[in-house]
PDB file of all heavy atoms in Angstrom:
ATOM      1  N   SER A   1      -2.481   2.024   2.316  1.00  0.00           N
ATOM      2  CA  SER A   1      -2.588   3.253   3.101  1.00  0.00           C
ATOM      3  C   SER A   1      -3.137   4.360   2.226  1.00  0.00           C
ATOM      4  O   SER A   1      -2.732   4.513   1.066  1.00  0.00           O
ATOM      5  CB  SER A   1      -1.208   3.643   3.645  1.00  0.00           C
ATOM      6  OG  SER A   1      -0.742   2.679   4.549  1.00  0.00           O
ATOM      7  N   VAL A   2      -4.039   5.139   2.780  1.00  0.00           N
ATOM      8  CA  VAL A   2      -4.677   6.207   2.025  1.00  0.00           C
ATOM      9  C   VAL A   2      -4.999   7.348   2.977  1.00  0.00           C
ATOM     10  O   VAL A   2      -5.197   7.129   4.182  1.00  0.00           O
ATOM     11  CB  VAL A   2      -5.949   5.674   1.325  1.00  0.00           C
ATOM     12  CG1 VAL A   2      -6.988   5.230   2.345  1.00  0.00           C
ATOM     13  CG2 VAL A   2      -6.517   6.672   0.346  1.00  0.00           C
ATOM     14  N   GLN A   3      -5.043   8.555   2.436  1.00  0.00           N
ATOM     15  CA  GLN A   3      -5.401   9.707   3.255  1.00  0.00           C
ATOM     16  C   GLN A   3      -6.915   9.795   3.434  1.00  0.00           C
ATOM     17  O   GLN A   3      -7.677   9.266   2.616  1.00  0.00           O
ATOM     18  CB  GLN A   3      -4.885  10.985   2.597  1.00  0.00           C
ATOM     19  CG  GLN A   3      -3.374  11.090   2.581  1.00  0.00           C
ATOM     20  CD  GLN A   3      -2.889  12.430   2.080  1.00  0.00           C
ATOM     21  OE1 GLN A   3      -3.608  13.160   1.399  1.00  0.00           O
ATOM     22  NE2 GLN A   3      -1.657  12.790   2.428  1.00  0.00           N
ATOM     23  N   PRO A   4      -7.355  10.448   4.500  1.00  0.00           N
ATOM     24  CA  PRO A   4      -8.803  10.648   4.676  1.00  0.00           C
ATOM     25  C   PRO A   4      -9.417  11.304   3.438  1.00  0.00           C
ATOM     26  O   PRO A   4      -8.823  12.210   2.849  1.00  0.00           O
ATOM     27  CB  PRO A   4      -8.874  11.580   5.892  1.00  0.00           C
ATOM     28  CG  PRO A   4      -7.639  11.259   6.667  1.00  0.00           C
ATOM     29  CD  PRO A   4      -6.580  10.977   5.635  1.00  0.00           C
ATOM     30  N   GLY A   5     -10.590  10.796   3.059  1.00  0.00           N
ATOM     31  CA  GLY A   5     -11.244  11.263   1.847  1.00  0.00           C
ATOM     32  C   GLY A   5     -10.883  10.475   0.610  1.00  0.00           C
ATOM     33  O   GLY A   5     -11.521  10.644  -0.445  1.00  0.00           O
ATOM     34  N   GLY A   6      -9.884   9.626   0.712  1.00  0.00           N
ATOM     35  CA  GLY A   6      -9.452   8.838  -0.432  1.00  0.00           C
ATOM     36  C   GLY A   6     -10.312   7.606  -0.660  1.00  0.00           C
ATOM     37  O   GLY A   6     -11.297   7.365   0.054  1.00  0.00           O
ATOM     38  N   SER A   7      -9.912   6.830  -1.671  1.00  0.00           N
ATOM     39  CA  SER A   7     -10.671   5.643  -2.062  1.00  0.00           C
ATOM     40  C   SER A   7      -9.757   4.446  -2.225  1.00  0.00           C
ATOM     41  O   SER A   7      -8.571   4.590  -2.551  1.00  0.00           O
ATOM     42  CB  SER A   7     -11.388   5.894  -3.396  1.00  0.00           C
ATOM     43  OG  SER A   7     -12.324   6.940  -3.290  1.00  0.00           O
ATOM     44  N   LEU A   8     -10.317   3.287  -2.009  1.00  0.00           N
ATOM     45  CA  LEU A   8      -9.663   2.012  -2.304  1.00  0.00           C
ATOM     46  C   LEU A   8     -10.716   1.046  -2.826  1.00  0.00           C
ATOM     47  O   LEU A   8     -11.896   1.150  -2.462  1.00  0.00           O
ATOM     48  CB  LEU A   8      -9.020   1.413  -1.054  1.00  0.00           C
ATOM     49  CG  LEU A   8      -7.738   2.043  -0.519  1.00  0.00           C
ATOM     50  CD1 LEU A   8      -7.370   1.398   0.820  1.00  0.00           C
ATOM     51  CD2 LEU A   8      -6.580   1.868  -1.498  1.00  0.00           C
ATOM     52  N   ARG A   9     -10.280   0.106  -3.640  1.00  0.00           N
ATOM     53  CA  ARG A   9     -11.166  -0.975  -4.050  1.00  0.00           C
ATOM     54  C   ARG A   9     -10.536  -2.299  -3.627  1.00  0.00           C
ATOM     55  O   ARG A   9      -9.446  -2.650  -4.089  1.00  0.00           O
ATOM     56  CB  ARG A   9     -11.415  -0.981  -5.559  1.00  0.00           C
ATOM     57  CG  ARG A   9     -12.492  -1.998  -5.945  1.00  0.00           C
ATOM     58  CD  ARG A   9     -12.808  -1.999  -7.424  1.00  0.00           C
ATOM     59  NE  ARG A   9     -11.804  -2.685  -8.198  1.00  0.00           N
ATOM     60  CZ  ARG A   9     -12.015  -3.163  -9.433  1.00  0.00           C
ATOM     61  NH1 ARG A   9     -13.203  -3.006 -10.006  1.00  0.00           N
ATOM     62  NH2 ARG A   9     -11.043  -3.747 -10.087  1.00  0.00           N
ATOM     63  N   LEU A  10     -11.235  -2.989  -2.768  1.00  0.00           N
ATOM     64  CA  LEU A  10     -10.790  -4.305  -2.329  1.00  0.00           C
ATOM     65  C   LEU A  10     -11.374  -5.373  -3.249  1.00  0.00           C
ATOM     66  O   LEU A  10     -12.505  -5.258  -3.713  1.00  0.00           O
ATOM     67  CB  LEU A  10     -11.224  -4.573  -0.895  1.00  0.00           C
ATOM     68  CG  LEU A  10     -10.808  -3.542   0.150  1.00  0.00           C
ATOM     69  CD1 LEU A  10     -11.245  -4.013   1.536  1.00  0.00           C
ATOM     70  CD2 LEU A  10      -9.323  -3.278   0.112  1.00  0.00           C
ATOM     71  N   SER A  11     -10.580  -6.403  -3.480  1.00  0.00           N
ATOM     72  CA  SER A  11     -11.020  -7.541  -4.282  1.00  0.00           C
ATOM     73  C   SER A  11     -10.984  -8.799  -3.435  1.00  0.00           C
ATOM     74  O   SER A  11     -10.126  -8.952  -2.561  1.00  0.00           O
ATOM     75  CB  SER A  11     -10.109  -7.729  -5.496  1.00  0.00           C
ATOM     76  OG  SER A  11     -10.144  -6.601  -6.340  1.00  0.00           O
ATOM     77  N   CYS A  12     -11.899  -9.676  -3.705  1.00  0.00           N
ATOM     78  CA  CYS A  12     -11.952 -10.999  -3.068  1.00  0.00           C
ATOM     79  C   CYS A  12     -12.093 -12.015  -4.194  1.00  0.00           C
ATOM     80  O   CYS A  12     -13.167 -12.157  -4.775  1.00  0.00           O
ATOM     81  CB  CYS A  12     -13.131 -11.072  -2.113  1.00  0.00           C
ATOM     82  SG  CYS A  12     -13.452 -12.713  -1.427  1.00  0.00           S
ATOM     83  N   THR A  13     -10.990 -12.677  -4.500  1.00  0.00           N
ATOM     84  CA  THR A  13     -10.964 -13.598  -5.625  1.00  0.00           C
ATOM     85  C   THR A  13     -11.078 -15.029  -5.135  1.00  0.00           C
ATOM     86  O   THR A  13     -10.362 -15.440  -4.218  1.00  0.00           O
ATOM     87  CB  THR A  13      -9.683 -13.414  -6.435  1.00  0.00           C
ATOM     88  OG1 THR A  13      -9.619 -12.062  -6.904  1.00  0.00           O
ATOM     89  CG2 THR A  13      -9.670 -14.349  -7.635  1.00  0.00           C
ATOM     90  N   ALA A  14     -11.971 -15.759  -5.756  1.00  0.00           N
ATOM     91  CA  ALA A  14     -12.230 -17.137  -5.361  1.00  0.00           C
ATOM     92  C   ALA A  14     -11.519 -18.117  -6.282  1.00  0.00           C
ATOM     93  O   ALA A  14     -11.359 -17.857  -7.481  1.00  0.00           O
ATOM     94  CB  ALA A  14     -13.729 -17.409  -5.393  1.00  0.00           C
ATOM     95  N   SER A  15     -11.128 -19.247  -5.716  1.00  0.00           N
ATOM     96  CA  SER A  15     -10.584 -20.354  -6.505  1.00  0.00           C
ATOM     97  C   SER A  15     -11.102 -21.644  -5.906  1.00  0.00           C
ATOM     98  O   SER A  15     -11.557 -21.684  -4.766  1.00  0.00           O
ATOM     99  CB  SER A  15      -9.056 -20.330  -6.507  1.00  0.00           C
ATOM    100  OG  SER A  15      -8.552 -20.485  -5.201  1.00  0.00           O
ATOM    101  N   GLY A  16     -11.072 -22.685  -6.708  1.00  0.00           N
ATOM    102  CA  GLY A  16     -11.521 -23.983  -6.239  1.00  0.00           C
ATOM    103  C   GLY A  16     -12.998 -24.233  -6.434  1.00  0.00           C
ATOM    104  O   GLY A  16     -13.459 -25.363  -6.345  1.00  0.00           O
ATOM    105  N   ASP A  17     -13.743 -23.184  -6.693  1.00  0.00           N
ATOM    106  CA  ASP A  17     -15.174 -23.312  -6.946  1.00  0.00           C
ATOM    107  C   ASP A  17     -15.646 -21.999  -7.558  1.00  0.00           C
ATOM    108  O   ASP A  17     -14.927 -20.994  -7.563  1.00  0.00           O
ATOM    109  CB  ASP A  17     -15.939 -23.610  -5.663  1.00  0.00           C
ATOM    110  CG  ASP A  17     -17.321 -24.194  -5.918  1.00  0.00           C
ATOM    111  OD1 ASP A  17     -17.757 -24.238  -7.102  1.00  0.00           O
ATOM    112  OD2 ASP A  17     -17.984 -24.597  -4.939  1.00  0.00           O
ATOM    113  N   THR A  18     -16.866 -22.016  -8.051  1.00  0.00           N
ATOM    114  CA  THR A  18     -17.446 -20.835  -8.682  1.00  0.00           C
ATOM    115  C   THR A  18     -18.062 -19.940  -7.624  1.00  0.00           C
ATOM    116  O   THR A  18     -18.907 -20.379  -6.839  1.00  0.00           O
ATOM    117  CB  THR A  18     -18.517 -21.261  -9.692  1.00  0.00           C
ATOM    118  OG1 THR A  18     -17.921 -22.121 -10.664  1.00  0.00           O
ATOM    119  CG2 THR A  18     -19.110 -20.060 -10.389  1.00  0.00           C
ATOM    120  N   LEU A  19     -17.646 -18.665  -7.613  1.00  0.00           N
ATOM    121  CA  LEU A  19     -18.156 -17.741  -6.605  1.00  0.00           C
ATOM    122  C   LEU A  19     -19.668 -17.585  -6.688  1.00  0.00           C
ATOM    123  O   LEU A  19     -20.320 -17.279  -5.703  1.00  0.00           O
ATOM    124  CB  LEU A  19     -17.467 -16.388  -6.759  1.00  0.00           C
ATOM    125  CG  LEU A  19     -17.668 -15.396  -5.625  1.00  0.00           C
ATOM    126  CD1 LEU A  19     -17.067 -15.938  -4.334  1.00  0.00           C
ATOM    127  CD2 LEU A  19     -17.031 -14.052  -5.972  1.00  0.00           C
ATOM    128  N   ASP A  20     -20.216 -17.820  -7.861  1.00  0.00           N
ATOM    129  CA  ASP A  20     -21.662 -17.693  -8.046  1.00  0.00           C
ATOM    130  C   ASP A  20     -22.440 -18.672  -7.171  1.00  0.00           C
ATOM    131  O   ASP A  20     -23.640 -18.507  -6.969  1.00  0.00           O
ATOM    132  CB  ASP A  20     -22.006 -17.928  -9.520  1.00  0.00           C
ATOM    133  CG  ASP A  20     -23.430 -17.519  -9.844  1.00  0.00           C
ATOM    134  OD1 ASP A  20     -23.913 -16.536  -9.252  1.00  0.00           O
ATOM    135  OD2 ASP A  20     -24.062 -18.181 -10.684  1.00  0.00           O
ATOM    136  N   ASN A  21     -21.763 -19.683  -6.647  1.00  0.00           N
ATOM    137  CA  ASN A  21     -22.425 -20.648  -5.774  1.00  0.00           C
ATOM    138  C   ASN A  21     -22.570 -20.156  -4.338  1.00  0.00           C
ATOM    139  O   ASN A  21     -23.158 -20.858  -3.506  1.00  0.00           O
ATOM    140  CB  ASN A  21     -21.638 -21.961  -5.751  1.00  0.00           C
ATOM    141  CG  ASN A  21     -21.702 -22.684  -7.079  1.00  0.00           C
ATOM    142  OD1 ASN A  21     -22.659 -22.545  -7.832  1.00  0.00           O
ATOM    143  ND2 ASN A  21     -20.662 -23.435  -7.389  1.00  0.00           N
ATOM    144  N   TYR A  22     -22.045 -18.964  -4.049  1.00  0.00           N
ATOM    145  CA  TYR A  22     -21.934 -18.511  -2.663  1.00  0.00           C
ATOM    146  C   TYR A  22     -22.509 -17.110  -2.460  1.00  0.00           C
ATOM    147  O   TYR A  22     -22.419 -16.247  -3.340  1.00  0.00           O
ATOM    148  CB  TYR A  22     -20.465 -18.498  -2.233  1.00  0.00           C
ATOM    149  CG  TYR A  22     -19.826 -19.860  -2.317  1.00  0.00           C
ATOM    150  CD1 TYR A  22     -19.221 -20.289  -3.495  1.00  0.00           C
ATOM    151  CD2 TYR A  22     -19.822 -20.711  -1.223  1.00  0.00           C
ATOM    152  CE1 TYR A  22     -18.656 -21.545  -3.585  1.00  0.00           C
ATOM    153  CE2 TYR A  22     -19.247 -21.964  -1.301  1.00  0.00           C
ATOM    154  CZ  TYR A  22     -18.663 -22.381  -2.480  1.00  0.00           C
ATOM    155  OH  TYR A  22     -18.094 -23.623  -2.561  1.00  0.00           O
ATOM    156  N   ASN A  23     -23.027 -16.913  -1.265  1.00  0.00           N
ATOM    157  CA  ASN A  23     -23.327 -15.572  -0.778  1.00  0.00           C
ATOM    158  C   ASN A  23     -22.057 -14.984  -0.182  1.00  0.00           C
ATOM    159  O   ASN A  23     -21.229 -15.705   0.374  1.00  0.00           O
ATOM    160  CB  ASN A  23     -24.419 -15.623   0.283  1.00  0.00           C
ATOM    161  CG  ASN A  23     -25.708 -16.174  -0.271  1.00  0.00           C
ATOM    162  OD1 ASN A  23     -26.177 -15.751  -1.327  1.00  0.00           O
ATOM    163  ND2 ASN A  23     -26.293 -17.139   0.423  1.00  0.00           N
ATOM    164  N   ILE A  24     -21.919 -13.674  -0.289  1.00  0.00           N
ATOM    165  CA  ILE A  24     -20.677 -12.999   0.081  1.00  0.00           C
ATOM    166  C   ILE A  24     -20.908 -12.005   1.207  1.00  0.00           C
ATOM    167  O   ILE A  24     -21.909 -11.274   1.205  1.00  0.00           O
ATOM    168  CB  ILE A  24     -20.098 -12.240  -1.124  1.00  0.00           C
ATOM    169  CG1 ILE A  24     -19.781 -13.201  -2.263  1.00  0.00           C
ATOM    170  CG2 ILE A  24     -18.858 -11.445  -0.724  1.00  0.00           C
ATOM    171  CD1 ILE A  24     -18.686 -14.175  -1.943  1.00  0.00           C
ATOM    172  N   GLY A  25     -19.978 -11.965   2.131  1.00  0.00           N
ATOM    173  CA  GLY A  25     -19.978 -10.936   3.165  1.00  0.00           C
ATOM    174  C   GLY A  25     -18.605 -10.303   3.269  1.00  0.00           C
ATOM    175  O   GLY A  25     -17.595 -10.958   3.025  1.00  0.00           O
ATOM    176  N   TRP A  26     -18.583  -9.029   3.590  1.00  0.00           N
ATOM    177  CA  TRP A  26     -17.338  -8.324   3.883  1.00  0.00           C
ATOM    178  C   TRP A  26     -17.362  -7.901   5.349  1.00  0.00           C
ATOM    179  O   TRP A  26     -18.376  -7.354   5.833  1.00  0.00           O
ATOM    180  CB  TRP A  26     -17.166  -7.095   2.992  1.00  0.00           C
ATOM    181  CG  TRP A  26     -16.704  -7.397   1.612  1.00  0.00           C
ATOM    182  CD1 TRP A  26     -17.470  -7.660   0.516  1.00  0.00           C
ATOM    183  CD2 TRP A  26     -15.344  -7.479   1.174  1.00  0.00           C
ATOM    184  NE1 TRP A  26     -16.680  -7.897  -0.578  1.00  0.00           N
ATOM    185  CE2 TRP A  26     -15.361  -7.786  -0.202  1.00  0.00           C
ATOM    186  CE3 TRP A  26     -14.097  -7.314   1.800  1.00  0.00           C
ATOM    187  CZ2 TRP A  26     -14.195  -7.935  -0.951  1.00  0.00           C
ATOM    188  CZ3 TRP A  26     -12.953  -7.463   1.055  1.00  0.00           C
ATOM    189  CH2 TRP A  26     -13.007  -7.778  -0.312  1.00  0.00           C
ATOM    190  N   PHE A  27     -16.251  -8.131   6.017  1.00  0.00           N
ATOM    191  CA  PHE A  27     -16.106  -7.816   7.431  1.00  0.00           C
ATOM    192  C   PHE A  27     -14.829  -7.001   7.617  1.00  0.00           C
ATOM    193  O   PHE A  27     -13.966  -6.977   6.747  1.00  0.00           O
ATOM    194  CB  PHE A  27     -15.989  -9.110   8.249  1.00  0.00           C
ATOM    195  CG  PHE A  27     -17.255  -9.916   8.309  1.00  0.00           C
ATOM    196  CD1 PHE A  27     -17.678 -10.648   7.210  1.00  0.00           C
ATOM    197  CD2 PHE A  27     -18.023  -9.950   9.457  1.00  0.00           C
ATOM    198  CE1 PHE A  27     -18.851 -11.396   7.257  1.00  0.00           C
ATOM    199  CE2 PHE A  27     -19.186 -10.687   9.519  1.00  0.00           C
ATOM    200  CZ  PHE A  27     -19.600 -11.413   8.417  1.00  0.00           C
ATOM    201  N   ARG A  28     -14.725  -6.376   8.778  1.00  0.00           N
ATOM    202  CA  ARG A  28     -13.481  -5.710   9.135  1.00  0.00           C
ATOM    203  C   ARG A  28     -13.255  -5.854  10.635  1.00  0.00           C
ATOM    204  O   ARG A  28     -14.208  -6.020  11.409  1.00  0.00           O
ATOM    205  CB  ARG A  28     -13.496  -4.243   8.733  1.00  0.00           C
ATOM    206  CG  ARG A  28     -14.489  -3.371   9.482  1.00  0.00           C
ATOM    207  CD  ARG A  28     -14.485  -1.966   8.901  1.00  0.00           C
ATOM    208  NE  ARG A  28     -15.392  -1.063   9.602  1.00  0.00           N
ATOM    209  CZ  ARG A  28     -15.663   0.166   9.214  1.00  0.00           C
ATOM    210  NH1 ARG A  28     -15.083   0.677   8.119  1.00  0.00           N
ATOM    211  NH2 ARG A  28     -16.499   0.925   9.913  1.00  0.00           N
ATOM    212  N   GLN A  29     -11.984  -5.781  11.000  1.00  0.00           N
ATOM    213  CA  GLN A  29     -11.621  -5.898  12.407  1.00  0.00           C
ATOM    214  C   GLN A  29     -10.524  -4.896  12.710  1.00  0.00           C
ATOM    215  O   GLN A  29      -9.419  -4.991  12.173  1.00  0.00           O
ATOM    216  CB  GLN A  29     -11.176  -7.313  12.746  1.00  0.00           C
ATOM    217  CG  GLN A  29     -10.982  -7.548  14.236  1.00  0.00           C
ATOM    218  CD  GLN A  29     -10.894  -9.017  14.574  1.00  0.00           C
ATOM    219  OE1 GLN A  29     -10.631  -9.868  13.726  1.00  0.00           O
ATOM    220  NE2 GLN A  29     -11.139  -9.349  15.835  1.00  0.00           N
ATOM    221  N   ALA A  30     -10.865  -3.946  13.553  1.00  0.00           N
ATOM    222  CA  ALA A  30      -9.902  -2.956  14.005  1.00  0.00           C
ATOM    223  C   ALA A  30      -9.186  -3.483  15.247  1.00  0.00           C
ATOM    224  O   ALA A  30      -9.717  -4.350  15.954  1.00  0.00           O
ATOM    225  CB  ALA A  30     -10.613  -1.641  14.310  1.00  0.00           C
ATOM    226  N   PRO A  31      -7.994  -2.982  15.539  1.00  0.00           N
ATOM    227  CA  PRO A  31      -7.254  -3.457  16.715  1.00  0.00           C
ATOM    228  C   PRO A  31      -8.082  -3.327  17.988  1.00  0.00           C
ATOM    229  O   PRO A  31      -8.667  -2.281  18.268  1.00  0.00           O
ATOM    230  CB  PRO A  31      -6.038  -2.529  16.748  1.00  0.00           C
ATOM    231  CG  PRO A  31      -5.856  -2.098  15.334  1.00  0.00           C
ATOM    232  CD  PRO A  31      -7.231  -1.986  14.762  1.00  0.00           C
ATOM    233  N   GLY A  32      -8.150  -4.413  18.745  1.00  0.00           N
ATOM    234  CA  GLY A  32      -8.868  -4.405  20.004  1.00  0.00           C
ATOM    235  C   GLY A  32     -10.375  -4.470  19.901  1.00  0.00           C
ATOM    236  O   GLY A  32     -11.073  -4.369  20.912  1.00  0.00           O
ATOM    237  N   LYS A  33     -10.889  -4.641  18.682  1.00  0.00           N
ATOM    238  CA  LYS A  33     -12.343  -4.678  18.487  1.00  0.00           C
ATOM    239  C   LYS A  33     -12.763  -6.005  17.878  1.00  0.00           C
ATOM    240  O   LYS A  33     -11.957  -6.739  17.304  1.00  0.00           O
ATOM    241  CB  LYS A  33     -12.788  -3.527  17.600  1.00  0.00           C
ATOM    242  CG  LYS A  33     -12.576  -2.145  18.219  1.00  0.00           C
ATOM    243  CD  LYS A  33     -13.243  -1.071  17.400  1.00  0.00           C
ATOM    244  CE  LYS A  33     -13.112   0.285  18.073  1.00  0.00           C
ATOM    245  NZ  LYS A  33     -13.793   1.357  17.287  1.00  0.00           N
ATOM    246  N   GLU A  34     -14.048  -6.286  17.984  1.00  0.00           N
ATOM    247  CA  GLU A  34     -14.594  -7.500  17.383  1.00  0.00           C
ATOM    248  C   GLU A  34     -14.728  -7.334  15.869  1.00  0.00           C
ATOM    249  O   GLU A  34     -14.794  -6.218  15.358  1.00  0.00           O
ATOM    250  CB  GLU A  34     -15.957  -7.816  17.990  1.00  0.00           C
ATOM    251  CG  GLU A  34     -15.918  -8.224  19.447  1.00  0.00           C
ATOM    252  CD  GLU A  34     -17.259  -8.709  19.947  1.00  0.00           C
ATOM    253  OE1 GLU A  34     -18.244  -8.622  19.198  1.00  0.00           O
ATOM    254  OE2 GLU A  34     -17.326  -9.169  21.099  1.00  0.00           O
ATOM    255  N   ARG A  35     -14.752  -8.465  15.191  1.00  0.00           N
ATOM    256  CA  ARG A  35     -14.965  -8.424  13.745  1.00  0.00           C
ATOM    257  C   ARG A  35     -16.384  -7.942  13.459  1.00  0.00           C
ATOM    258  O   ARG A  35     -17.359  -8.434  14.052  1.00  0.00           O
ATOM    259  CB  ARG A  35     -14.737  -9.821  13.155  1.00  0.00           C
ATOM    260  CG  ARG A  35     -14.572  -9.824  11.657  1.00  0.00           C
ATOM    261  CD  ARG A  35     -14.027 -11.146  11.159  1.00  0.00           C
ATOM    262  NE  ARG A  35     -12.656 -11.377  11.628  1.00  0.00           N
ATOM    263  CZ  ARG A  35     -11.874 -12.348  11.180  1.00  0.00           C
ATOM    264  NH1 ARG A  35     -12.332 -13.181  10.241  1.00  0.00           N
ATOM    265  NH2 ARG A  35     -10.663 -12.506  11.660  1.00  0.00           N
ATOM    266  N   GLU A  36     -16.475  -6.999  12.543  1.00  0.00           N
ATOM    267  CA  GLU A  36     -17.735  -6.314  12.254  1.00  0.00           C
ATOM    268  C   GLU A  36     -18.173  -6.594  10.824  1.00  0.00           C
ATOM    269  O   GLU A  36     -17.394  -6.406   9.885  1.00  0.00           O
ATOM    270  CB  GLU A  36     -17.528  -4.802  12.433  1.00  0.00           C
ATOM    271  CG  GLU A  36     -18.671  -3.923  11.962  1.00  0.00           C
ATOM    272  CD  GLU A  36     -18.293  -2.450  11.865  1.00  0.00           C
ATOM    273  OE1 GLU A  36     -17.083  -2.126  11.887  1.00  0.00           O
ATOM    274  OE2 GLU A  36     -19.211  -1.615  11.758  1.00  0.00           O
ATOM    275  N   GLY A  37     -19.407  -7.038  10.653  1.00  0.00           N
ATOM    276  CA  GLY A  37     -19.942  -7.229   9.309  1.00  0.00           C
ATOM    277  C   GLY A  37     -20.376  -5.905   8.737  1.00  0.00           C
ATOM    278  O   GLY A  37     -21.156  -5.183   9.362  1.00  0.00           O
ATOM    279  N   ILE A  38     -19.866  -5.545   7.562  1.00  0.00           N
ATOM    280  CA  ILE A  38     -20.164  -4.228   7.001  1.00  0.00           C
ATOM    281  C   ILE A  38     -20.961  -4.271   5.705  1.00  0.00           C
ATOM    282  O   ILE A  38     -21.628  -3.291   5.349  1.00  0.00           O
ATOM    283  CB  ILE A  38     -18.877  -3.400   6.798  1.00  0.00           C
ATOM    284  CG1 ILE A  38     -17.891  -4.137   5.889  1.00  0.00           C
ATOM    285  CG2 ILE A  38     -18.254  -3.047   8.141  1.00  0.00           C
ATOM    286  CD1 ILE A  38     -16.680  -3.313   5.501  1.00  0.00           C
TER     287      ILE A  38
END
């Protein structure tokens, strides 16, 4: 939770394989909405 104007850093950590083998996408889904690629 953060106030408007604030910052966060999200991490996506991979295991089982090297992340360098993959293309990455970040998505978000708000309540009642479709998942959105950002």
